[in-house]
N, C-alpha and C. Protein backbone atom coordinates (compact mmCIF):
# COMPACT_ATOMS: atom_id res chain seq x y z
N MET A 1 -3.95 -8.33 30.36
CA MET A 1 -3.81 -9.78 30.45
C MET A 1 -2.68 -10.14 31.40
N ARG A 2 -2.91 -11.10 32.27
CA ARG A 2 -1.91 -11.49 33.25
C ARG A 2 -0.84 -12.38 32.60
N ASP A 3 0.39 -12.20 33.11
CA ASP A 3 1.48 -13.02 32.63
C ASP A 3 1.58 -14.30 33.48
N GLY A 4 2.39 -15.23 33.03
CA GLY A 4 2.63 -16.44 33.80
C GLY A 4 2.03 -17.66 33.14
N VAL A 5 2.61 -18.82 33.49
CA VAL A 5 2.17 -20.09 32.95
C VAL A 5 1.14 -20.70 33.90
N PRO A 6 0.01 -21.19 33.40
CA PRO A 6 -0.98 -21.84 34.27
C PRO A 6 -0.34 -23.01 35.02
N PRO A 7 -0.67 -23.19 36.30
CA PRO A 7 -0.04 -24.27 37.08
C PRO A 7 -0.14 -25.64 36.44
N TRP A 8 -1.26 -25.94 35.76
CA TRP A 8 -1.42 -27.27 35.20
C TRP A 8 -0.38 -27.58 34.13
N ARG A 9 0.21 -26.53 33.54
CA ARG A 9 1.24 -26.75 32.51
C ARG A 9 2.50 -27.38 33.10
N HIS A 10 2.66 -27.27 34.42
CA HIS A 10 3.85 -27.84 35.08
C HIS A 10 3.67 -29.30 35.46
N LEU A 11 2.48 -29.86 35.23
CA LEU A 11 2.26 -31.28 35.49
C LEU A 11 2.89 -32.11 34.38
N ALA A 12 4.21 -32.15 34.40
CA ALA A 12 4.98 -32.78 33.32
C ALA A 12 5.56 -34.11 33.76
N VAL A 13 5.85 -34.96 32.79
CA VAL A 13 6.41 -36.28 33.07
C VAL A 13 7.76 -36.16 33.76
N CYS A 14 8.51 -35.12 33.46
CA CYS A 14 9.84 -34.97 34.05
C CYS A 14 9.79 -34.85 35.58
N ASN A 15 8.63 -34.48 36.12
CA ASN A 15 8.49 -34.35 37.57
C ASN A 15 7.80 -35.57 38.20
N ALA A 16 7.63 -36.63 37.44
CA ALA A 16 6.87 -37.79 37.91
C ALA A 16 7.49 -38.42 39.15
N VAL A 17 8.83 -38.50 39.22
CA VAL A 17 9.47 -39.15 40.36
C VAL A 17 9.32 -38.28 41.61
N THR A 18 9.32 -36.96 41.44
CA THR A 18 9.08 -36.08 42.58
C THR A 18 7.67 -36.30 43.13
N TYR A 19 6.70 -36.43 42.21
CA TYR A 19 5.33 -36.70 42.66
C TYR A 19 5.23 -38.09 43.29
N LEU A 20 6.07 -39.03 42.88
CA LEU A 20 6.11 -40.33 43.52
C LEU A 20 6.53 -40.20 44.98
N SER A 21 7.49 -39.32 45.24
CA SER A 21 7.92 -39.07 46.61
C SER A 21 6.76 -38.52 47.44
N LEU A 22 5.97 -37.62 46.85
CA LEU A 22 4.80 -37.08 47.53
C LEU A 22 3.77 -38.18 47.79
N THR A 23 3.56 -39.03 46.79
CA THR A 23 2.60 -40.13 46.94
C THR A 23 3.01 -41.08 48.07
N ALA A 24 4.30 -41.38 48.14
CA ALA A 24 4.79 -42.26 49.20
C ALA A 24 4.61 -41.61 50.57
N GLY A 25 4.81 -40.29 50.64
CA GLY A 25 4.60 -39.59 51.90
C GLY A 25 3.15 -39.67 52.36
N VAL A 26 2.23 -39.46 51.43
CA VAL A 26 0.80 -39.55 51.77
C VAL A 26 0.45 -40.98 52.16
N ALA A 27 1.03 -41.95 51.48
CA ALA A 27 0.79 -43.36 51.82
C ALA A 27 1.27 -43.66 53.24
N ALA A 28 2.40 -43.07 53.63
CA ALA A 28 2.91 -43.25 54.99
C ALA A 28 1.92 -42.72 56.01
N LEU A 29 1.30 -41.60 55.70
CA LEU A 29 0.30 -41.03 56.60
C LEU A 29 -0.89 -41.98 56.76
N GLY A 30 -1.32 -42.57 55.65
CA GLY A 30 -2.41 -43.54 55.71
C GLY A 30 -2.04 -44.77 56.52
N CYS A 31 -0.80 -45.23 56.37
CA CYS A 31 -0.34 -46.38 57.15
C CYS A 31 -0.31 -46.06 58.64
N ALA A 32 0.11 -44.86 58.98
CA ALA A 32 0.14 -44.46 60.39
C ALA A 32 -1.27 -44.40 60.96
N ALA A 33 -2.21 -43.88 60.18
CA ALA A 33 -3.61 -43.81 60.63
C ALA A 33 -4.17 -45.21 60.87
N ALA A 34 -3.67 -46.19 60.11
CA ALA A 34 -4.13 -47.57 60.27
C ALA A 34 -3.33 -48.33 61.32
N GLY A 35 -2.35 -47.65 61.95
CA GLY A 35 -1.54 -48.30 62.97
C GLY A 35 -0.46 -49.21 62.44
N ARG A 36 -0.09 -49.05 61.17
CA ARG A 36 0.92 -49.93 60.54
C ARG A 36 2.26 -49.21 60.52
N LEU A 37 2.96 -49.26 61.63
CA LEU A 37 4.21 -48.52 61.80
C LEU A 37 5.25 -48.91 60.76
N HIS A 38 5.46 -50.20 60.56
CA HIS A 38 6.54 -50.62 59.68
C HIS A 38 6.23 -50.34 58.21
N LEU A 39 4.95 -50.44 57.81
CA LEU A 39 4.60 -50.04 56.45
C LEU A 39 4.76 -48.53 56.28
N MET A 40 4.48 -47.78 57.33
CA MET A 40 4.69 -46.34 57.30
C MET A 40 6.16 -46.01 57.05
N ALA A 41 7.04 -46.65 57.81
CA ALA A 41 8.47 -46.38 57.66
C ALA A 41 8.97 -46.82 56.29
N ALA A 42 8.45 -47.94 55.78
CA ALA A 42 8.83 -48.39 54.44
C ALA A 42 8.40 -47.38 53.39
N SER A 43 7.24 -46.76 53.59
CA SER A 43 6.78 -45.72 52.66
C SER A 43 7.71 -44.51 52.69
N TRP A 44 8.19 -44.15 53.90
CA TRP A 44 9.18 -43.07 53.98
C TRP A 44 10.40 -43.41 53.14
N CYS A 45 10.84 -44.66 53.23
CA CYS A 45 12.04 -45.06 52.49
C CYS A 45 11.82 -44.94 50.98
N VAL A 46 10.63 -45.30 50.51
CA VAL A 46 10.32 -45.14 49.09
C VAL A 46 10.40 -43.66 48.70
N ALA A 47 9.89 -42.80 49.57
CA ALA A 47 9.96 -41.36 49.30
C ALA A 47 11.41 -40.88 49.26
N VAL A 48 12.24 -41.40 50.16
CA VAL A 48 13.67 -41.03 50.18
C VAL A 48 14.35 -41.46 48.89
N LEU A 49 14.08 -42.69 48.47
CA LEU A 49 14.70 -43.19 47.24
C LEU A 49 14.26 -42.35 46.04
N ALA A 50 12.97 -42.03 45.96
CA ALA A 50 12.47 -41.21 44.86
C ALA A 50 13.11 -39.84 44.86
N ASP A 51 13.27 -39.26 46.05
CA ASP A 51 13.85 -37.92 46.14
C ASP A 51 15.30 -37.89 45.67
N ASN A 52 16.02 -38.97 45.89
CA ASN A 52 17.42 -39.01 45.48
C ASN A 52 17.59 -39.32 43.99
N LEU A 53 16.51 -39.76 43.36
CA LEU A 53 16.59 -40.11 41.94
C LEU A 53 15.82 -39.15 41.03
N ASP A 54 15.01 -38.27 41.62
CA ASP A 54 14.14 -37.43 40.78
C ASP A 54 14.92 -36.47 39.90
N GLY A 55 16.03 -35.92 40.42
CA GLY A 55 16.83 -35.00 39.61
C GLY A 55 17.46 -35.69 38.41
N ARG A 56 17.94 -36.90 38.62
CA ARG A 56 18.54 -37.66 37.52
C ARG A 56 17.49 -38.01 36.47
N PHE A 57 16.28 -38.33 36.93
CA PHE A 57 15.20 -38.63 36.00
C PHE A 57 14.81 -37.39 35.21
N ALA A 58 14.64 -36.27 35.90
CA ALA A 58 14.21 -35.03 35.24
C ALA A 58 15.24 -34.54 34.23
N SER A 59 16.53 -34.77 34.52
CA SER A 59 17.58 -34.28 33.62
C SER A 59 17.59 -34.98 32.27
N ARG A 60 16.88 -36.08 32.15
CA ARG A 60 16.81 -36.80 30.88
C ARG A 60 15.85 -36.16 29.89
N PHE A 61 15.12 -35.14 30.36
CA PHE A 61 14.15 -34.46 29.51
C PHE A 61 14.69 -33.10 29.09
N ASP A 62 14.29 -32.66 27.94
CA ASP A 62 14.66 -31.34 27.44
C ASP A 62 13.72 -30.32 28.08
N ARG A 63 14.24 -29.58 29.08
CA ARG A 63 13.40 -28.66 29.84
C ARG A 63 13.82 -27.22 29.63
N THR A 64 12.86 -26.32 29.71
CA THR A 64 13.18 -24.89 29.68
C THR A 64 13.76 -24.49 31.02
N GLU A 65 14.34 -23.29 31.08
CA GLU A 65 14.88 -22.79 32.34
C GLU A 65 13.78 -22.66 33.38
N GLN A 66 12.60 -22.22 32.95
CA GLN A 66 11.49 -22.11 33.89
C GLN A 66 11.09 -23.48 34.44
N ALA A 67 11.10 -24.49 33.59
CA ALA A 67 10.76 -25.84 34.04
C ALA A 67 11.78 -26.36 35.04
N ARG A 68 13.07 -26.04 34.84
CA ARG A 68 14.10 -26.46 35.79
C ARG A 68 13.91 -25.76 37.13
N LEU A 69 13.60 -24.47 37.08
CA LEU A 69 13.37 -23.73 38.33
C LEU A 69 12.15 -24.27 39.06
N PHE A 70 11.11 -24.58 38.31
CA PHE A 70 9.91 -25.15 38.93
C PHE A 70 10.23 -26.49 39.59
N GLY A 71 10.99 -27.33 38.90
CA GLY A 71 11.36 -28.62 39.47
C GLY A 71 12.11 -28.48 40.77
N ARG A 72 12.98 -27.49 40.87
CA ARG A 72 13.75 -27.24 42.10
C ARG A 72 12.82 -26.85 43.24
N GLU A 73 11.88 -25.95 42.95
CA GLU A 73 10.93 -25.52 43.98
C GLU A 73 10.00 -26.66 44.37
N LEU A 74 9.53 -27.42 43.38
CA LEU A 74 8.63 -28.53 43.66
C LEU A 74 9.31 -29.55 44.56
N ASP A 75 10.57 -29.83 44.30
CA ASP A 75 11.31 -30.79 45.11
C ASP A 75 11.33 -30.37 46.57
N SER A 76 11.59 -29.09 46.83
CA SER A 76 11.64 -28.61 48.21
C SER A 76 10.27 -28.65 48.88
N LEU A 77 9.23 -28.30 48.13
CA LEU A 77 7.88 -28.32 48.70
C LEU A 77 7.47 -29.75 49.07
N VAL A 78 7.79 -30.69 48.20
CA VAL A 78 7.46 -32.09 48.48
C VAL A 78 8.28 -32.60 49.67
N ASP A 79 9.52 -32.16 49.77
CA ASP A 79 10.35 -32.56 50.92
C ASP A 79 9.72 -32.11 52.24
N VAL A 80 9.21 -30.88 52.26
CA VAL A 80 8.59 -30.37 53.49
C VAL A 80 7.41 -31.25 53.89
N VAL A 81 6.65 -31.69 52.89
CA VAL A 81 5.48 -32.54 53.17
C VAL A 81 5.92 -33.94 53.58
N SER A 82 6.67 -34.61 52.70
CA SER A 82 6.98 -36.03 52.89
C SER A 82 7.96 -36.29 54.04
N PHE A 83 8.92 -35.37 54.27
CA PHE A 83 9.95 -35.61 55.27
C PHE A 83 9.82 -34.70 56.49
N GLY A 84 8.86 -33.78 56.44
CA GLY A 84 8.66 -32.86 57.55
C GLY A 84 7.31 -33.04 58.20
N ALA A 85 6.26 -32.54 57.54
CA ALA A 85 4.92 -32.57 58.13
C ALA A 85 4.41 -34.00 58.31
N VAL A 86 4.65 -34.88 57.33
CA VAL A 86 4.14 -36.25 57.42
C VAL A 86 4.74 -37.02 58.59
N PRO A 87 6.08 -37.04 58.79
CA PRO A 87 6.61 -37.76 59.95
C PRO A 87 6.06 -37.24 61.28
N VAL A 88 5.96 -35.93 61.43
CA VAL A 88 5.43 -35.37 62.67
C VAL A 88 4.00 -35.85 62.89
N ALA A 89 3.17 -35.78 61.85
CA ALA A 89 1.78 -36.23 61.97
C ALA A 89 1.71 -37.73 62.24
N CYS A 90 2.59 -38.49 61.60
CA CYS A 90 2.60 -39.94 61.79
C CYS A 90 2.90 -40.32 63.23
N PHE A 91 3.87 -39.66 63.83
CA PHE A 91 4.22 -39.97 65.21
C PHE A 91 3.05 -39.67 66.15
N LEU A 92 2.34 -38.60 65.90
CA LEU A 92 1.18 -38.27 66.74
C LEU A 92 0.04 -39.25 66.54
N LEU A 93 -0.11 -39.76 65.31
CA LEU A 93 -1.17 -40.72 65.03
C LEU A 93 -0.89 -42.09 65.65
N LEU A 94 0.38 -42.48 65.63
CA LEU A 94 0.72 -43.83 66.08
C LEU A 94 0.56 -44.01 67.59
N ALA A 95 1.12 -43.09 68.35
CA ALA A 95 1.06 -43.21 69.81
C ALA A 95 1.46 -41.89 70.43
N PRO A 96 0.65 -41.39 71.37
CA PRO A 96 1.05 -40.17 72.09
C PRO A 96 2.35 -40.40 72.83
N PRO A 97 3.27 -39.46 72.80
CA PRO A 97 4.54 -39.63 73.51
C PRO A 97 4.30 -39.80 75.01
N PRO A 98 5.06 -40.68 75.67
CA PRO A 98 4.86 -40.92 77.10
C PRO A 98 5.43 -39.78 77.95
N ALA A 99 5.12 -39.78 79.21
CA ALA A 99 5.72 -38.84 80.16
C ALA A 99 7.22 -39.14 80.25
N PRO A 100 8.08 -38.13 80.49
CA PRO A 100 7.72 -36.74 80.76
C PRO A 100 7.52 -35.88 79.52
N LEU A 101 7.67 -36.48 78.34
CA LEU A 101 7.55 -35.68 77.12
C LEU A 101 6.10 -35.28 76.88
N GLY A 102 5.23 -36.25 76.69
CA GLY A 102 3.83 -35.96 76.46
C GLY A 102 3.62 -35.27 75.12
N VAL A 103 2.36 -35.13 74.72
CA VAL A 103 2.04 -34.50 73.45
C VAL A 103 2.51 -33.05 73.43
N ALA A 104 2.27 -32.33 74.54
CA ALA A 104 2.67 -30.92 74.60
C ALA A 104 4.18 -30.78 74.47
N GLY A 105 4.90 -31.67 75.13
CA GLY A 105 6.36 -31.62 75.04
C GLY A 105 6.88 -32.03 73.68
N PHE A 106 6.13 -32.88 72.99
CA PHE A 106 6.54 -33.32 71.66
C PHE A 106 6.45 -32.18 70.65
N LEU A 107 5.52 -31.24 70.86
CA LEU A 107 5.30 -30.17 69.89
C LEU A 107 6.52 -29.26 69.76
N ALA A 108 7.27 -29.08 70.83
CA ALA A 108 8.44 -28.20 70.78
C ALA A 108 9.53 -28.76 69.86
N PRO A 109 9.99 -30.00 70.05
CA PRO A 109 10.98 -30.55 69.10
C PRO A 109 10.42 -30.69 67.70
N ALA A 110 9.11 -30.98 67.59
CA ALA A 110 8.50 -31.11 66.26
C ALA A 110 8.55 -29.77 65.52
N LEU A 111 8.23 -28.68 66.24
CA LEU A 111 8.28 -27.36 65.62
C LEU A 111 9.70 -26.99 65.24
N LEU A 112 10.66 -27.30 66.11
CA LEU A 112 12.06 -27.01 65.80
C LEU A 112 12.51 -27.81 64.59
N TYR A 113 12.09 -29.07 64.50
CA TYR A 113 12.44 -29.93 63.36
C TYR A 113 11.89 -29.34 62.06
N LEU A 114 10.62 -28.93 62.07
CA LEU A 114 10.02 -28.36 60.86
C LEU A 114 10.64 -27.02 60.51
N THR A 115 10.92 -26.19 61.53
CA THR A 115 11.55 -24.89 61.28
C THR A 115 12.92 -25.06 60.67
N ALA A 116 13.70 -25.99 61.23
CA ALA A 116 15.04 -26.24 60.70
C ALA A 116 14.98 -26.75 59.27
N MET A 117 13.99 -27.61 58.99
CA MET A 117 13.88 -28.19 57.65
C MET A 117 13.54 -27.13 56.62
N VAL A 118 12.52 -26.30 56.88
CA VAL A 118 12.14 -25.30 55.87
C VAL A 118 13.24 -24.25 55.72
N THR A 119 13.96 -23.95 56.80
CA THR A 119 15.06 -22.99 56.72
C THR A 119 16.19 -23.54 55.87
N ARG A 120 16.55 -24.80 56.09
CA ARG A 120 17.63 -25.39 55.31
C ARG A 120 17.25 -25.54 53.84
N LEU A 121 16.00 -25.93 53.57
CA LEU A 121 15.55 -26.06 52.19
C LEU A 121 15.51 -24.70 51.49
N GLY A 122 15.09 -23.66 52.21
CA GLY A 122 15.11 -22.32 51.63
C GLY A 122 16.52 -21.89 51.30
N ALA A 123 17.46 -22.16 52.22
CA ALA A 123 18.87 -21.83 51.98
C ALA A 123 19.43 -22.63 50.82
N HIS A 124 19.01 -23.87 50.72
CA HIS A 124 19.47 -24.73 49.61
C HIS A 124 19.03 -24.16 48.26
N ASN A 125 17.81 -23.63 48.20
CA ASN A 125 17.29 -23.13 46.93
C ASN A 125 17.98 -21.86 46.45
N VAL A 126 18.61 -21.13 47.35
CA VAL A 126 19.31 -19.90 46.95
C VAL A 126 20.82 -20.07 46.99
N ALA A 127 21.30 -21.28 47.34
CA ALA A 127 22.73 -21.53 47.44
C ALA A 127 23.37 -21.55 46.05
N GLY A 128 24.65 -21.30 46.02
CA GLY A 128 25.40 -21.33 44.78
C GLY A 128 25.80 -22.73 44.39
N PRO A 129 26.73 -22.85 43.45
CA PRO A 129 27.15 -24.17 42.96
C PRO A 129 27.71 -25.07 44.05
N GLY A 130 28.26 -24.49 45.11
CA GLY A 130 28.83 -25.29 46.19
C GLY A 130 27.81 -26.00 47.04
N GLY A 131 26.54 -25.67 46.86
CA GLY A 131 25.50 -26.32 47.64
C GLY A 131 25.33 -25.69 49.00
N CYS A 132 24.50 -26.30 49.80
CA CYS A 132 24.15 -25.78 51.11
C CYS A 132 24.56 -26.79 52.18
N PRO A 133 25.21 -26.33 53.27
CA PRO A 133 25.55 -27.25 54.35
C PRO A 133 24.30 -27.66 55.13
N GLY A 134 24.49 -28.55 56.05
CA GLY A 134 23.38 -29.02 56.86
C GLY A 134 22.89 -30.38 56.41
N LEU A 135 22.31 -31.14 57.32
CA LEU A 135 21.78 -32.46 57.00
C LEU A 135 20.58 -32.34 56.08
N PRO A 136 20.58 -32.97 54.91
CA PRO A 136 19.42 -32.91 54.01
C PRO A 136 18.19 -33.56 54.64
N SER A 137 17.02 -33.09 54.23
CA SER A 137 15.77 -33.60 54.80
C SER A 137 15.57 -35.08 54.49
N THR A 138 16.04 -35.53 53.34
CA THR A 138 15.87 -36.95 52.98
C THR A 138 16.65 -37.85 53.94
N GLU A 139 17.89 -37.46 54.25
CA GLU A 139 18.70 -38.25 55.17
C GLU A 139 18.10 -38.22 56.57
N ALA A 140 17.50 -37.08 56.94
CA ALA A 140 16.85 -37.00 58.25
C ALA A 140 15.71 -38.01 58.35
N ALA A 141 14.90 -38.09 57.28
CA ALA A 141 13.80 -39.05 57.28
C ALA A 141 14.31 -40.48 57.28
N LEU A 142 15.43 -40.72 56.61
CA LEU A 142 15.99 -42.07 56.58
C LEU A 142 16.50 -42.47 57.96
N VAL A 143 17.07 -41.51 58.69
CA VAL A 143 17.50 -41.79 60.06
C VAL A 143 16.30 -42.15 60.93
N LEU A 144 15.20 -41.40 60.76
CA LEU A 144 13.98 -41.69 61.52
C LEU A 144 13.47 -43.10 61.21
N ALA A 145 13.46 -43.46 59.93
CA ALA A 145 13.00 -44.80 59.54
C ALA A 145 13.89 -45.88 60.13
N THR A 146 15.19 -45.61 60.19
CA THR A 146 16.13 -46.58 60.76
C THR A 146 15.90 -46.73 62.26
N VAL A 147 15.71 -45.62 62.95
CA VAL A 147 15.47 -45.65 64.39
C VAL A 147 14.21 -46.45 64.72
N LEU A 148 13.21 -46.39 63.84
CA LEU A 148 11.95 -47.09 64.09
C LEU A 148 12.07 -48.61 64.01
N LEU A 149 13.24 -49.11 63.63
CA LEU A 149 13.47 -50.56 63.70
C LEU A 149 13.63 -51.00 65.15
N VAL A 150 13.91 -50.06 66.04
CA VAL A 150 14.02 -50.37 67.47
C VAL A 150 12.62 -50.43 68.07
N PRO A 151 12.25 -51.51 68.72
CA PRO A 151 10.89 -51.63 69.29
C PRO A 151 10.58 -50.48 70.26
N GLY A 152 9.41 -49.89 70.08
CA GLY A 152 8.96 -48.81 70.97
C GLY A 152 9.55 -47.46 70.69
N ALA A 153 10.36 -47.34 69.63
CA ALA A 153 11.05 -46.08 69.38
C ALA A 153 10.10 -44.95 68.97
N ALA A 154 8.96 -45.27 68.38
CA ALA A 154 8.04 -44.23 67.90
C ALA A 154 7.57 -43.34 69.03
N ALA A 155 7.43 -43.88 70.23
CA ALA A 155 6.94 -43.10 71.35
C ALA A 155 7.96 -42.06 71.81
N TYR A 156 9.21 -42.24 71.44
CA TYR A 156 10.26 -41.31 71.87
C TYR A 156 10.81 -40.51 70.70
N ALA A 157 9.96 -40.30 69.69
CA ALA A 157 10.41 -39.62 68.48
C ALA A 157 10.92 -38.21 68.75
N GLY A 158 10.35 -37.55 69.75
CA GLY A 158 10.76 -36.18 70.03
C GLY A 158 12.23 -36.05 70.34
N TRP A 159 12.78 -37.06 71.02
CA TRP A 159 14.20 -37.01 71.35
C TRP A 159 15.08 -37.18 70.11
N VAL A 160 14.54 -37.82 69.08
CA VAL A 160 15.29 -37.99 67.83
C VAL A 160 15.18 -36.76 66.95
N LEU A 161 14.01 -36.10 66.97
CA LEU A 161 13.81 -34.92 66.14
C LEU A 161 14.76 -33.79 66.51
N LEU A 162 15.07 -33.66 67.80
CA LEU A 162 15.92 -32.55 68.25
C LEU A 162 17.31 -32.57 67.63
N PRO A 163 18.08 -33.66 67.74
CA PRO A 163 19.42 -33.66 67.12
C PRO A 163 19.37 -33.53 65.60
N LEU A 164 18.33 -34.08 64.98
CA LEU A 164 18.21 -33.94 63.53
C LEU A 164 18.00 -32.49 63.14
N ALA A 165 17.19 -31.77 63.92
CA ALA A 165 16.96 -30.35 63.66
C ALA A 165 18.27 -29.56 63.78
N VAL A 166 19.05 -29.86 64.80
CA VAL A 166 20.32 -29.16 64.99
C VAL A 166 21.27 -29.43 63.83
N LEU A 167 21.34 -30.69 63.39
CA LEU A 167 22.24 -31.05 62.28
C LEU A 167 21.84 -30.38 60.97
N MET A 168 20.54 -30.09 60.79
CA MET A 168 20.11 -29.39 59.58
C MET A 168 20.63 -27.95 59.54
N LEU A 169 20.84 -27.37 60.71
CA LEU A 169 21.22 -25.96 60.78
C LEU A 169 22.72 -25.74 60.91
N LEU A 170 23.46 -26.75 61.33
CA LEU A 170 24.90 -26.60 61.53
C LEU A 170 25.66 -26.69 60.20
N PRO A 171 26.87 -26.13 60.16
CA PRO A 171 27.67 -26.17 58.92
C PRO A 171 28.34 -27.52 58.71
N VAL A 172 27.55 -28.58 58.72
CA VAL A 172 28.08 -29.90 58.40
C VAL A 172 27.90 -30.14 56.90
N HIS A 173 28.80 -30.90 56.33
CA HIS A 173 28.78 -31.10 54.87
C HIS A 173 28.77 -32.60 54.55
N PRO A 174 27.59 -33.22 54.61
CA PRO A 174 27.51 -34.64 54.21
C PRO A 174 27.90 -34.80 52.75
N PRO A 175 28.54 -35.92 52.41
CA PRO A 175 28.91 -36.14 51.00
C PRO A 175 27.69 -36.20 50.10
N ARG A 176 27.83 -35.65 48.90
CA ARG A 176 26.72 -35.67 47.96
C ARG A 176 26.46 -37.09 47.46
N PRO A 177 25.20 -37.42 47.21
CA PRO A 177 24.88 -38.79 46.76
C PRO A 177 25.28 -39.03 45.31
N ARG A 178 26.57 -39.28 45.12
CA ARG A 178 27.10 -39.58 43.80
C ARG A 178 28.04 -40.76 43.90
N GLY A 179 28.16 -41.51 42.82
CA GLY A 179 29.10 -42.62 42.78
C GLY A 179 28.88 -43.61 43.91
N LEU A 180 29.96 -43.95 44.64
CA LEU A 180 29.88 -44.92 45.71
C LEU A 180 29.00 -44.45 46.86
N VAL A 181 28.96 -43.13 47.08
CA VAL A 181 28.10 -42.59 48.14
C VAL A 181 26.63 -42.86 47.81
N LEU A 182 26.26 -42.68 46.54
CA LEU A 182 24.89 -42.96 46.12
C LEU A 182 24.59 -44.45 46.26
N VAL A 183 25.55 -45.29 45.89
CA VAL A 183 25.35 -46.74 46.01
C VAL A 183 25.13 -47.11 47.48
N ALA A 184 25.95 -46.53 48.37
CA ALA A 184 25.81 -46.82 49.80
C ALA A 184 24.47 -46.32 50.33
N LEU A 185 24.05 -45.15 49.86
CA LEU A 185 22.77 -44.59 50.30
C LEU A 185 21.60 -45.47 49.85
N VAL A 186 21.64 -45.90 48.60
CA VAL A 186 20.58 -46.76 48.07
C VAL A 186 20.56 -48.09 48.83
N ALA A 187 21.74 -48.63 49.13
CA ALA A 187 21.82 -49.88 49.89
C ALA A 187 21.21 -49.69 51.29
N TRP A 188 21.48 -48.55 51.91
CA TRP A 188 20.92 -48.23 53.23
C TRP A 188 19.39 -48.17 53.14
N VAL A 189 18.90 -47.46 52.13
CA VAL A 189 17.45 -47.33 51.96
C VAL A 189 16.80 -48.69 51.74
N LEU A 190 17.37 -49.49 50.85
CA LEU A 190 16.79 -50.80 50.54
C LEU A 190 16.85 -51.73 51.74
N GLY A 191 17.95 -51.64 52.50
CA GLY A 191 18.08 -52.48 53.69
C GLY A 191 17.02 -52.15 54.74
N VAL A 192 16.83 -50.85 54.99
CA VAL A 192 15.84 -50.44 55.99
C VAL A 192 14.43 -50.76 55.49
N THR A 193 14.20 -50.55 54.19
CA THR A 193 12.88 -50.88 53.61
C THR A 193 12.59 -52.36 53.77
N GLY A 194 13.56 -53.19 53.41
CA GLY A 194 13.37 -54.63 53.53
C GLY A 194 13.11 -55.07 54.95
N ALA A 195 13.84 -54.48 55.90
CA ALA A 195 13.65 -54.85 57.31
C ALA A 195 12.24 -54.49 57.79
N HIS A 196 11.77 -53.30 57.41
CA HIS A 196 10.43 -52.90 57.82
C HIS A 196 9.36 -53.76 57.16
N LEU A 197 9.55 -54.09 55.90
CA LEU A 197 8.57 -54.94 55.22
C LEU A 197 8.54 -56.34 55.83
N TRP A 198 9.70 -56.84 56.23
CA TRP A 198 9.73 -58.15 56.87
C TRP A 198 8.99 -58.10 58.22
N LEU A 199 9.21 -57.03 58.98
CA LEU A 199 8.52 -56.90 60.25
C LEU A 199 7.02 -56.71 60.07
N ALA A 200 6.63 -56.09 58.95
CA ALA A 200 5.21 -55.83 58.71
C ALA A 200 4.49 -57.02 58.10
N LEU A 201 5.18 -57.75 57.21
CA LEU A 201 4.50 -58.76 56.40
C LEU A 201 5.07 -60.16 56.57
N GLY A 202 6.23 -60.27 57.23
CA GLY A 202 6.89 -61.57 57.36
C GLY A 202 6.16 -62.49 58.32
N PRO A 203 6.67 -63.72 58.44
CA PRO A 203 6.06 -64.70 59.36
C PRO A 203 6.05 -64.21 60.79
N LYS A 204 4.96 -64.40 61.46
CA LYS A 204 4.83 -63.99 62.87
C LYS A 204 5.27 -65.12 63.76
N ALA A 205 5.92 -64.73 64.86
CA ALA A 205 6.37 -65.74 65.81
C ALA A 205 5.20 -66.40 66.52
């Protein structure tokens, strides 16, 4: 008889906010396919907010050690999708990058961005109590959403992905989202979300 817990047993309420982050990421992809740039960016922001709150939500439940380990792995896997693969796909869906970058040129920074993200997340999962240096994937996605408030910025996404990839790999130590830092981060997320929703749904000139 094989050992191990069936995957469906991990579909627990304690991971609901993490799955919300995944849902928002998929919604962003749908918005990009429909050409709704600002709704796409707002969906990223919802995913960022969920990712910063999922650990606090999960900690309110009485979990086994295996459940805690699963939650850690699930969080990283969802981050790769919502803040890595989805943004890259969204940029390609919205508009091909202009010359001299072009689609072929965009693939290089996109690959570096994804490589840096999965490397940093892997390092984060094996890091000790001190945590892992490097720009977190959630903050990277939030920077992308903020940049998209600039008209026409989506076409030049490749130039933004490169510095973000480098920051994920460098020994930089952003403050952890706690206390006033968390308040500032949530305010940033809500501000960018509100701006994108206004541009998407507000009165047209």
